Amino acid sequence: MLEGSVPVTRASRFHRVSSTWRRYEEVTLPDGLLVTADSVCNFNPVYGHGVTVAALEAEKLGDLLAARQKAAVGQAAAGSASGASWLAGVPQEYQRAITPIIQEAWDMSVGEHHGCRC
């Protein structure tokens, strides 16, 4: 697939090889601001967790929005929906929902093997 392709830039090294987790589930984010993927947690690239965690977070967001939309449609049918109110509180709910995803990858990458007698 790469045969005959031309690099756009020179190869470079990844200089930052640490993991960082910003705990957005502990703060109140304004509606309309969604923080995800490496903006929430980035991993040392040697573990290869970053893309997988980002994909799982995206899947969780899709599930969350689908459930809220379904509930909003049901409320609208009952005559009690009000515009985009079905999106209110999404940032906090999303941050809480992705915490277990991040926690599992975090534990593997930083060496916190709970219950392991390694």
N, C-alpha and C. Protein backbone atom coordinates (compact mmCIF):
# COMPACT_ATOMS: atom_id res chain seq x y z
N MET A 1 0.83 -1.19 0.00
CA MET A 1 0.00 0.00 0.00
C MET A 1 0.87 1.26 0.00
N LEU A 2 2.02 1.19 0.65
CA LEU A 2 2.88 2.36 0.73
C LEU A 2 3.87 2.46 -0.42
N GLU A 3 3.94 1.42 -1.22
CA GLU A 3 4.88 1.42 -2.34
C GLU A 3 4.63 2.61 -3.26
N GLY A 4 5.68 3.36 -3.52
CA GLY A 4 5.57 4.51 -4.40
C GLY A 4 5.09 5.78 -3.71
N SER A 5 4.76 5.70 -2.43
CA SER A 5 4.31 6.91 -1.73
C SER A 5 5.52 7.77 -1.35
N VAL A 6 5.26 9.05 -1.14
CA VAL A 6 6.31 10.01 -0.81
C VAL A 6 5.99 10.63 0.56
N PRO A 7 6.97 10.62 1.48
CA PRO A 7 6.72 11.23 2.79
C PRO A 7 6.40 12.72 2.67
N VAL A 8 5.47 13.18 3.47
CA VAL A 8 5.10 14.59 3.47
C VAL A 8 6.13 15.40 4.27
N THR A 9 6.64 14.81 5.34
CA THR A 9 7.67 15.46 6.17
C THR A 9 8.72 14.43 6.54
N ARG A 10 9.77 14.90 7.16
CA ARG A 10 10.78 13.98 7.67
C ARG A 10 10.20 13.22 8.86
N ALA A 11 10.70 12.04 9.09
CA ALA A 11 10.27 11.27 10.26
C ALA A 11 10.71 12.00 11.52
N SER A 12 9.89 11.93 12.54
CA SER A 12 10.25 12.58 13.80
C SER A 12 9.97 11.62 14.95
N ARG A 13 10.61 11.89 16.07
CA ARG A 13 10.42 11.06 17.25
C ARG A 13 9.37 11.67 18.15
N PHE A 14 8.73 10.82 18.90
CA PHE A 14 7.78 11.26 19.91
C PHE A 14 8.59 11.50 21.16
N HIS A 15 8.72 12.75 21.58
CA HIS A 15 9.60 13.10 22.70
C HIS A 15 8.95 12.97 24.06
N ARG A 16 7.67 13.04 24.12
CA ARG A 16 6.98 12.98 25.41
C ARG A 16 6.46 11.57 25.60
N VAL A 17 7.05 10.83 26.52
CA VAL A 17 6.66 9.44 26.70
C VAL A 17 6.06 9.21 28.09
N SER A 18 5.21 10.10 28.50
CA SER A 18 4.53 9.93 29.77
C SER A 18 3.03 9.88 29.53
N SER A 19 2.31 9.49 30.55
CA SER A 19 0.86 9.43 30.46
C SER A 19 0.27 10.55 31.32
N THR A 20 -0.80 11.17 30.84
CA THR A 20 -1.45 12.26 31.57
C THR A 20 -2.96 12.05 31.52
N TRP A 21 -3.60 12.14 32.68
CA TRP A 21 -5.06 12.00 32.76
C TRP A 21 -5.60 13.26 33.40
N ARG A 22 -6.38 14.00 32.65
CA ARG A 22 -7.04 15.21 33.16
C ARG A 22 -8.44 14.80 33.61
N ARG A 23 -8.73 15.00 34.86
CA ARG A 23 -9.94 14.46 35.48
C ARG A 23 -11.14 15.40 35.28
N TYR A 24 -11.63 15.49 34.05
CA TYR A 24 -12.76 16.37 33.74
C TYR A 24 -14.06 15.90 34.37
N GLU A 25 -14.14 14.64 34.79
CA GLU A 25 -15.36 14.19 35.44
C GLU A 25 -15.52 14.81 36.82
N GLU A 26 -14.47 15.46 37.32
CA GLU A 26 -14.52 16.09 38.64
C GLU A 26 -14.86 17.57 38.60
N VAL A 27 -15.06 18.12 37.40
CA VAL A 27 -15.41 19.54 37.26
C VAL A 27 -16.71 19.66 36.46
N THR A 28 -17.32 20.82 36.51
CA THR A 28 -18.52 21.07 35.74
C THR A 28 -18.14 21.74 34.43
N LEU A 29 -18.36 21.02 33.35
CA LEU A 29 -18.07 21.57 32.03
C LEU A 29 -19.33 22.23 31.49
N PRO A 30 -19.18 23.32 30.75
CA PRO A 30 -20.36 23.96 30.18
C PRO A 30 -20.98 23.11 29.09
N ASP A 31 -22.31 23.16 28.98
CA ASP A 31 -22.98 22.47 27.88
C ASP A 31 -22.41 23.01 26.58
N GLY A 32 -22.18 22.14 25.65
CA GLY A 32 -21.61 22.53 24.36
C GLY A 32 -20.11 22.27 24.28
N LEU A 33 -19.46 21.96 25.41
CA LEU A 33 -18.03 21.66 25.41
C LEU A 33 -17.86 20.19 25.74
N LEU A 34 -17.32 19.46 24.80
CA LEU A 34 -17.10 18.03 25.00
C LEU A 34 -15.60 17.77 24.86
N VAL A 35 -15.01 17.20 25.88
CA VAL A 35 -13.58 16.90 25.89
C VAL A 35 -13.43 15.40 25.74
N THR A 36 -12.59 14.98 24.79
CA THR A 36 -12.47 13.55 24.51
C THR A 36 -11.06 13.21 24.04
N ALA A 37 -10.80 11.92 23.94
CA ALA A 37 -9.55 11.35 23.42
C ALA A 37 -8.33 11.90 24.17
N ASP A 38 -7.27 12.28 23.44
CA ASP A 38 -6.03 12.73 24.08
C ASP A 38 -6.21 13.99 24.90
N SER A 39 -7.27 14.74 24.68
CA SER A 39 -7.52 15.93 25.49
C SER A 39 -7.91 15.56 26.92
N VAL A 40 -8.43 14.36 27.11
CA VAL A 40 -8.77 13.86 28.44
C VAL A 40 -7.59 13.07 29.00
N CYS A 41 -7.12 12.12 28.23
CA CYS A 41 -6.06 11.24 28.71
C CYS A 41 -5.19 10.82 27.54
N ASN A 42 -3.89 11.03 27.70
CA ASN A 42 -2.98 10.51 26.69
C ASN A 42 -2.02 9.54 27.37
N PHE A 43 -1.65 8.52 26.62
CA PHE A 43 -0.84 7.44 27.14
C PHE A 43 0.54 7.43 26.50
N ASN A 44 1.49 6.89 27.23
CA ASN A 44 2.80 6.64 26.66
C ASN A 44 2.56 5.80 25.41
N PRO A 45 3.05 6.22 24.25
CA PRO A 45 2.73 5.53 23.00
C PRO A 45 3.25 4.10 22.91
N VAL A 46 4.17 3.73 23.77
CA VAL A 46 4.71 2.37 23.73
C VAL A 46 3.63 1.33 24.01
N TYR A 47 2.57 1.70 24.71
CA TYR A 47 1.51 0.76 25.05
C TYR A 47 0.44 0.63 23.96
N GLY A 48 0.34 1.61 23.09
CA GLY A 48 -0.63 1.56 22.01
C GLY A 48 -2.08 1.68 22.45
N HIS A 49 -2.33 2.30 23.60
CA HIS A 49 -3.69 2.42 24.12
C HIS A 49 -4.47 3.60 23.54
N GLY A 50 -3.78 4.63 23.09
CA GLY A 50 -4.43 5.89 22.71
C GLY A 50 -5.56 5.77 21.72
N VAL A 51 -5.32 5.15 20.58
CA VAL A 51 -6.34 5.05 19.54
C VAL A 51 -7.48 4.15 19.99
N THR A 52 -7.15 3.08 20.69
CA THR A 52 -8.19 2.16 21.16
C THR A 52 -9.11 2.86 22.16
N VAL A 53 -8.52 3.59 23.11
CA VAL A 53 -9.32 4.30 24.10
C VAL A 53 -10.17 5.37 23.41
N ALA A 54 -9.60 6.10 22.46
CA ALA A 54 -10.36 7.12 21.74
C ALA A 54 -11.54 6.50 20.99
N ALA A 55 -11.33 5.34 20.37
CA ALA A 55 -12.42 4.66 19.66
C ALA A 55 -13.51 4.21 20.62
N LEU A 56 -13.12 3.68 21.78
CA LEU A 56 -14.11 3.26 22.77
C LEU A 56 -14.87 4.46 23.33
N GLU A 57 -14.18 5.58 23.50
CA GLU A 57 -14.85 6.81 23.94
C GLU A 57 -15.86 7.28 22.90
N ALA A 58 -15.49 7.22 21.64
CA ALA A 58 -16.41 7.62 20.57
C ALA A 58 -17.64 6.73 20.54
N GLU A 59 -17.42 5.44 20.73
CA GLU A 59 -18.54 4.50 20.78
C GLU A 59 -19.46 4.83 21.96
N LYS A 60 -18.88 5.15 23.11
CA LYS A 60 -19.66 5.51 24.30
C LYS A 60 -20.46 6.79 24.04
N LEU A 61 -19.86 7.76 23.37
CA LEU A 61 -20.58 8.99 23.04
C LEU A 61 -21.75 8.70 22.12
N GLY A 62 -21.54 7.85 21.12
CA GLY A 62 -22.63 7.47 20.22
C GLY A 62 -23.78 6.82 20.97
N ASP A 63 -23.45 5.92 21.89
CA ASP A 63 -24.47 5.25 22.70
C ASP A 63 -25.23 6.26 23.57
N LEU A 64 -24.49 7.16 24.18
CA LEU A 64 -25.08 8.18 25.06
C LEU A 64 -26.04 9.09 24.28
N LEU A 65 -25.59 9.57 23.13
CA LEU A 65 -26.43 10.46 22.33
C LEU A 65 -27.65 9.73 21.77
N ALA A 66 -27.46 8.48 21.36
CA ALA A 66 -28.60 7.71 20.84
C ALA A 66 -29.65 7.50 21.93
N ALA A 67 -29.21 7.18 23.14
CA ALA A 67 -30.16 6.98 24.24
C ALA A 67 -30.88 8.27 24.58
N ARG A 68 -30.15 9.38 24.61
CA ARG A 68 -30.79 10.67 24.91
C ARG A 68 -31.76 11.08 23.81
N GLN A 69 -31.37 10.84 22.55
CA GLN A 69 -32.26 11.19 21.44
C GLN A 69 -33.53 10.36 21.50
N LYS A 70 -33.39 9.08 21.79
CA LYS A 70 -34.55 8.21 21.89
C LYS A 70 -35.49 8.69 23.00
N ALA A 71 -34.91 9.08 24.13
CA ALA A 71 -35.73 9.59 25.23
C ALA A 71 -36.41 10.90 24.83
N ALA A 72 -35.68 11.76 24.11
CA ALA A 72 -36.25 13.04 23.68
C ALA A 72 -37.40 12.84 22.70
N VAL A 73 -37.27 11.87 21.81
CA VAL A 73 -38.35 11.57 20.86
C VAL A 73 -39.57 11.09 21.62
N GLY A 74 -39.34 10.25 22.62
CA GLY A 74 -40.45 9.77 23.45
C GLY A 74 -41.12 10.90 24.19
N GLN A 75 -40.33 11.85 24.69
CA GLN A 75 -40.89 13.00 25.41
C GLN A 75 -41.65 13.90 24.45
N ALA A 76 -41.11 14.07 23.24
CA ALA A 76 -41.78 14.91 22.24
C ALA A 76 -43.14 14.31 21.87
N ALA A 77 -43.15 13.00 21.74
CA ALA A 77 -44.41 12.33 21.42
C ALA A 77 -45.43 12.52 22.54
N ALA A 78 -44.93 12.64 23.76
CA ALA A 78 -45.81 12.86 24.91
C ALA A 78 -46.10 14.34 25.11
N GLY A 79 -45.46 15.19 24.27
CA GLY A 79 -45.71 16.63 24.34
C GLY A 79 -44.92 17.36 25.41
N SER A 80 -43.81 16.76 25.89
CA SER A 80 -43.07 17.44 26.96
C SER A 80 -41.63 17.77 26.62
N ALA A 81 -41.21 17.64 25.36
CA ALA A 81 -39.83 17.96 24.97
C ALA A 81 -39.69 19.45 24.69
N SER A 82 -38.50 19.97 24.95
CA SER A 82 -38.28 21.39 24.69
C SER A 82 -36.96 21.60 23.97
N GLY A 83 -36.98 21.63 22.65
CA GLY A 83 -35.82 21.95 21.83
C GLY A 83 -34.62 21.06 22.09
N ALA A 84 -33.46 21.70 22.26
CA ALA A 84 -32.21 20.96 22.42
C ALA A 84 -31.93 20.60 23.87
N SER A 85 -32.94 20.67 24.73
CA SER A 85 -32.72 20.36 26.15
C SER A 85 -32.24 18.93 26.35
N TRP A 86 -32.46 18.07 25.37
CA TRP A 86 -32.00 16.69 25.50
C TRP A 86 -30.48 16.60 25.52
N LEU A 87 -29.78 17.68 25.14
CA LEU A 87 -28.32 17.70 25.18
C LEU A 87 -27.77 18.27 26.49
N ALA A 88 -28.63 18.85 27.31
CA ALA A 88 -28.17 19.45 28.57
C ALA A 88 -27.53 18.38 29.45
N GLY A 89 -26.38 18.69 29.99
CA GLY A 89 -25.69 17.78 30.89
C GLY A 89 -24.86 16.70 30.22
N VAL A 90 -24.79 16.71 28.89
CA VAL A 90 -24.02 15.69 28.18
C VAL A 90 -22.54 15.68 28.60
N PRO A 91 -21.88 16.84 28.73
CA PRO A 91 -20.45 16.77 29.08
C PRO A 91 -20.17 16.00 30.38
N GLN A 92 -20.93 16.27 31.43
CA GLN A 92 -20.70 15.58 32.70
C GLN A 92 -21.03 14.09 32.58
N GLU A 93 -22.15 13.78 31.95
CA GLU A 93 -22.54 12.38 31.81
C GLU A 93 -21.51 11.62 30.98
N TYR A 94 -21.02 12.25 29.92
CA TYR A 94 -20.01 11.62 29.06
C TYR A 94 -18.71 11.38 29.83
N GLN A 95 -18.26 12.38 30.58
CA GLN A 95 -17.01 12.21 31.34
C GLN A 95 -17.13 11.06 32.34
N ARG A 96 -18.26 10.96 33.00
CA ARG A 96 -18.47 9.84 33.94
C ARG A 96 -18.50 8.51 33.20
N ALA A 97 -19.09 8.51 32.01
CA ALA A 97 -19.23 7.27 31.24
C ALA A 97 -17.90 6.76 30.70
N ILE A 98 -16.97 7.66 30.38
CA ILE A 98 -15.69 7.21 29.82
C ILE A 98 -14.64 6.92 30.89
N THR A 99 -14.92 7.29 32.13
CA THR A 99 -13.94 7.06 33.20
C THR A 99 -13.54 5.59 33.33
N PRO A 100 -14.48 4.62 33.32
CA PRO A 100 -14.06 3.22 33.41
C PRO A 100 -13.21 2.76 32.22
N ILE A 101 -13.48 3.29 31.05
CA ILE A 101 -12.69 2.95 29.86
C ILE A 101 -11.25 3.40 30.07
N ILE A 102 -11.10 4.65 30.49
CA ILE A 102 -9.77 5.20 30.71
C ILE A 102 -9.08 4.48 31.86
N GLN A 103 -9.82 4.21 32.93
CA GLN A 103 -9.23 3.59 34.12
C GLN A 103 -8.59 2.25 33.79
N GLU A 104 -9.26 1.44 32.98
CA GLU A 104 -8.73 0.13 32.64
C GLU A 104 -7.41 0.25 31.88
N ALA A 105 -7.38 1.11 30.87
CA ALA A 105 -6.15 1.31 30.10
C ALA A 105 -5.06 1.96 30.95
N TRP A 106 -5.46 2.89 31.81
CA TRP A 106 -4.52 3.57 32.70
C TRP A 106 -3.84 2.56 33.63
N ASP A 107 -4.63 1.69 34.22
CA ASP A 107 -4.07 0.70 35.14
C ASP A 107 -3.05 -0.19 34.44
N MET A 108 -3.34 -0.56 33.20
CA MET A 108 -2.39 -1.40 32.46
C MET A 108 -1.12 -0.63 32.10
N SER A 109 -1.27 0.64 31.74
CA SER A 109 -0.12 1.38 31.25
C SER A 109 0.77 1.95 32.35
N VAL A 110 0.22 2.20 33.51
CA VAL A 110 1.06 2.77 34.58
C VAL A 110 1.42 1.74 35.64
N GLY A 111 1.00 0.51 35.44
CA GLY A 111 1.45 -0.56 36.30
C GLY A 111 0.66 -0.79 37.56
N GLU A 112 -0.53 -0.26 37.65
CA GLU A 112 -1.37 -0.49 38.82
C GLU A 112 -2.22 -1.73 38.58
N HIS A 113 -1.68 -2.87 38.89
CA HIS A 113 -2.40 -4.12 38.66
C HIS A 113 -3.11 -4.50 39.95
N HIS A 114 -4.33 -4.04 40.09
CA HIS A 114 -5.11 -4.28 41.31
C HIS A 114 -5.35 -5.77 41.49
N GLY A 115 -5.01 -6.25 42.64
CA GLY A 115 -5.24 -7.65 42.95
C GLY A 115 -4.18 -8.59 42.38
N CYS A 116 -3.20 -8.06 41.69
CA CYS A 116 -2.16 -8.87 41.09
C CYS A 116 -1.00 -9.05 42.07
N ARG A 117 -0.51 -10.26 42.18
CA ARG A 117 0.64 -10.51 43.06
C ARG A 117 1.88 -10.68 42.20
N CYS A 118 2.12 -9.67 41.36
CA CYS A 118 3.25 -9.72 40.43
C CYS A 118 4.55 -9.40 41.13
